[in-house]
Amino acid sequence: MKEDVSLIEDKTFFRDDLVVSDCIYSPAKTKLLQISEKEGCKIINGMGMLLYQGALSFELWTNEKMPVEYIKNIIFK
């Protein structure tokens, strides 16, 4: 999870029809996602995963549904 490290640095792995996802949410664009985006890939970071993990945790602790859309509007500004 170091800021300037990627397990895949060989650009030949990436194509413009590829979707590259990273579970890390901070930084929003890891080196893997930066490389992928430059090569034309669609990229997805870990913020969605964090949001829905948080929603499940909220429900386990409070027995209430978390207002996912409200929180989504805050963190995905």
C-alpha atoms as a PDB file:
ATOM      1  CA  MET A   1       0.000   0.000   0.000  1.00  0.00           C
ATOM      2  CA  LYS A   2       2.942   2.265  -0.566  1.00  0.00           C
ATOM      3  CA  GLU A   3       2.026   5.285  -2.627  1.00  0.00           C
ATOM      4  CA  ASP A   4       4.321   4.788  -5.629  1.00  0.00           C
ATOM      5  CA  VAL A   5       4.335   0.993  -5.970  1.00  0.00           C
ATOM      6  CA  SER A   6       2.465  -1.300  -8.336  1.00  0.00           C
ATOM      7  CA  LEU A   7       2.725  -5.068  -8.635  1.00  0.00           C
ATOM      8  CA  ILE A   8       2.118  -4.727 -12.374  1.00  0.00           C
ATOM      9  CA  GLU A   9       4.293  -2.151 -14.096  1.00  0.00           C
ATOM     10  CA  ASP A  10       4.493  -3.776 -17.539  1.00  0.00           C
ATOM     11  CA  LYS A  11       2.190  -1.655 -19.722  1.00  0.00           C
ATOM     12  CA  THR A  12       1.691  -4.504 -22.201  1.00  0.00           C
ATOM     13  CA  PHE A  13      -0.779  -6.088 -19.751  1.00  0.00           C
ATOM     14  CA  PHE A  14      -3.214  -3.203 -20.199  1.00  0.00           C
ATOM     15  CA  ARG A  15      -5.691  -2.710 -23.076  1.00  0.00           C
ATOM     16  CA  ASP A  16      -8.391  -0.139 -23.654  1.00  0.00           C
ATOM     17  CA  ASP A  17     -11.116  -2.794 -23.267  1.00  0.00           C
ATOM     18  CA  LEU A  18      -9.877  -3.792 -19.783  1.00  0.00           C
ATOM     19  CA  VAL A  19     -11.396  -2.788 -16.441  1.00  0.00           C
ATOM     20  CA  VAL A  20      -8.782  -2.507 -13.682  1.00  0.00           C
ATOM     21  CA  SER A  21      -9.939  -2.430 -10.064  1.00  0.00           C
ATOM     22  CA  ASP A  22      -7.907  -1.829  -6.922  1.00  0.00           C
ATOM     23  CA  CYS A  23      -9.185  -2.444  -3.386  1.00  0.00           C
ATOM     24  CA  ILE A  24      -7.157   0.465  -2.036  1.00  0.00           C
ATOM     25  CA  TYR A  25      -9.127   3.673  -1.475  1.00  0.00           C
ATOM     26  CA  SER A  26      -6.337   6.030  -0.393  1.00  0.00           C
ATOM     27  CA  PRO A  27      -4.808   7.317  -2.543  1.00  0.00           C
ATOM     28  CA  ALA A  28      -7.821   7.356  -4.853  1.00  0.00           C
ATOM     29  CA  LYS A  29      -5.568   6.586  -7.827  1.00  0.00           C
ATOM     30  CA  THR A  30      -2.859   4.100  -6.936  1.00  0.00           C
ATOM     31  CA  LYS A  31       0.104   3.674  -9.232  1.00  0.00           C
ATOM     32  CA  LEU A  32      -1.636   0.623 -10.741  1.00  0.00           C
ATOM     33  CA  LEU A  33      -4.718   2.716 -11.529  1.00  0.00           C
ATOM     34  CA  GLN A  34      -2.612   5.581 -12.879  1.00  0.00           C
ATOM     35  CA  ILE A  35      -0.757   3.263 -15.262  1.00  0.00           C
ATOM     36  CA  SER A  36      -4.009   1.567 -16.298  1.00  0.00           C
ATOM     37  CA  GLU A  37      -5.776   4.846 -16.958  1.00  0.00           C
ATOM     38  CA  LYS A  38      -2.885   6.118 -19.098  1.00  0.00           C
ATOM     39  CA  GLU A  39      -3.198   2.946 -21.183  1.00  0.00           C
ATOM     40  CA  GLY A  40      -6.921   3.576 -21.749  1.00  0.00           C
ATOM     41  CA  CYS A  41      -8.423   1.172 -19.219  1.00  0.00           C
ATOM     42  CA  LYS A  42     -11.547   1.892 -17.213  1.00  0.00           C
ATOM     43  CA  ILE A  43     -10.470   2.119 -13.567  1.00  0.00           C
ATOM     44  CA  ILE A  44     -12.277   1.516 -10.267  1.00  0.00           C
ATOM     45  CA  ASN A  45     -10.747   2.290  -6.883  1.00  0.00           C
ATOM     46  CA  GLY A  46     -11.677   0.858  -3.486  1.00  0.00           C
ATOM     47  CA  MET A  47     -14.100   3.589  -2.373  1.00  0.00           C
ATOM     48  CA  GLY A  48     -17.185   1.592  -3.368  1.00  0.00           C
ATOM     49  CA  MET A  49     -15.952  -1.410  -1.431  1.00  0.00           C
ATOM     50  CA  LEU A  50     -15.259   0.801   1.605  1.00  0.00           C
ATOM     51  CA  LEU A  51     -18.741   2.346   1.365  1.00  0.00           C
ATOM     52  CA  TYR A  52     -20.582  -0.973   1.309  1.00  0.00           C
ATOM     53  CA  GLN A  53     -18.364  -2.550   3.995  1.00  0.00           C
ATOM     54  CA  GLY A  54     -19.190   0.468   6.131  1.00  0.00           C
ATOM     55  CA  ALA A  55     -22.891   0.048   5.392  1.00  0.00           C
ATOM     56  CA  LEU A  56     -22.834  -3.577   6.535  1.00  0.00           C
ATOM     57  CA  SER A  57     -20.878  -2.674   9.673  1.00  0.00           C
ATOM     58  CA  PHE A  58     -23.310   0.161  10.447  1.00  0.00           C
ATOM     59  CA  GLU A  59     -26.220  -2.252  10.175  1.00  0.00           C
ATOM     60  CA  LEU A  60     -24.524  -4.866  12.382  1.00  0.00           C
ATOM     61  CA  TRP A  61     -23.826  -2.292  15.108  1.00  0.00           C
ATOM     62  CA  THR A  62     -27.086  -0.330  14.984  1.00  0.00           C
ATOM     63  CA  ASN A  63     -29.649  -2.757  13.515  1.00  0.00           C
ATOM     64  CA  GLU A  64     -30.540   0.046  11.097  1.00  0.00           C
ATOM     65  CA  LYS A  65     -29.786   0.565   7.434  1.00  0.00           C
ATOM     66  CA  MET A  66     -27.084   3.106   6.722  1.00  0.00           C
ATOM     67  CA  PRO A  67     -28.222   5.908   4.386  1.00  0.00           C
ATOM     68  CA  VAL A  68     -25.913   4.727   1.590  1.00  0.00           C
ATOM     69  CA  GLU A  69     -27.003   7.301  -1.002  1.00  0.00           C
ATOM     70  CA  TYR A  70     -26.481  10.143   1.474  1.00  0.00           C
ATOM     71  CA  ILE A  71     -22.993   8.920   2.390  1.00  0.00           C
ATOM     72  CA  LYS A  72     -22.174   8.230  -1.275  1.00  0.00           C
ATOM     73  CA  ASN A  73     -22.935  11.874  -2.092  1.00  0.00           C
ATOM     74  CA  ILE A  74     -20.484  12.967   0.606  1.00  0.00           C
ATOM     75  CA  ILE A  75     -17.532  10.715  -0.246  1.00  0.00           C
ATOM     76  CA  PHE A  76     -17.873  10.761  -4.036  1.00  0.00           C
ATOM     77  CA  LYS A  77     -17.934  14.541  -4.449  1.00  0.00           C
END
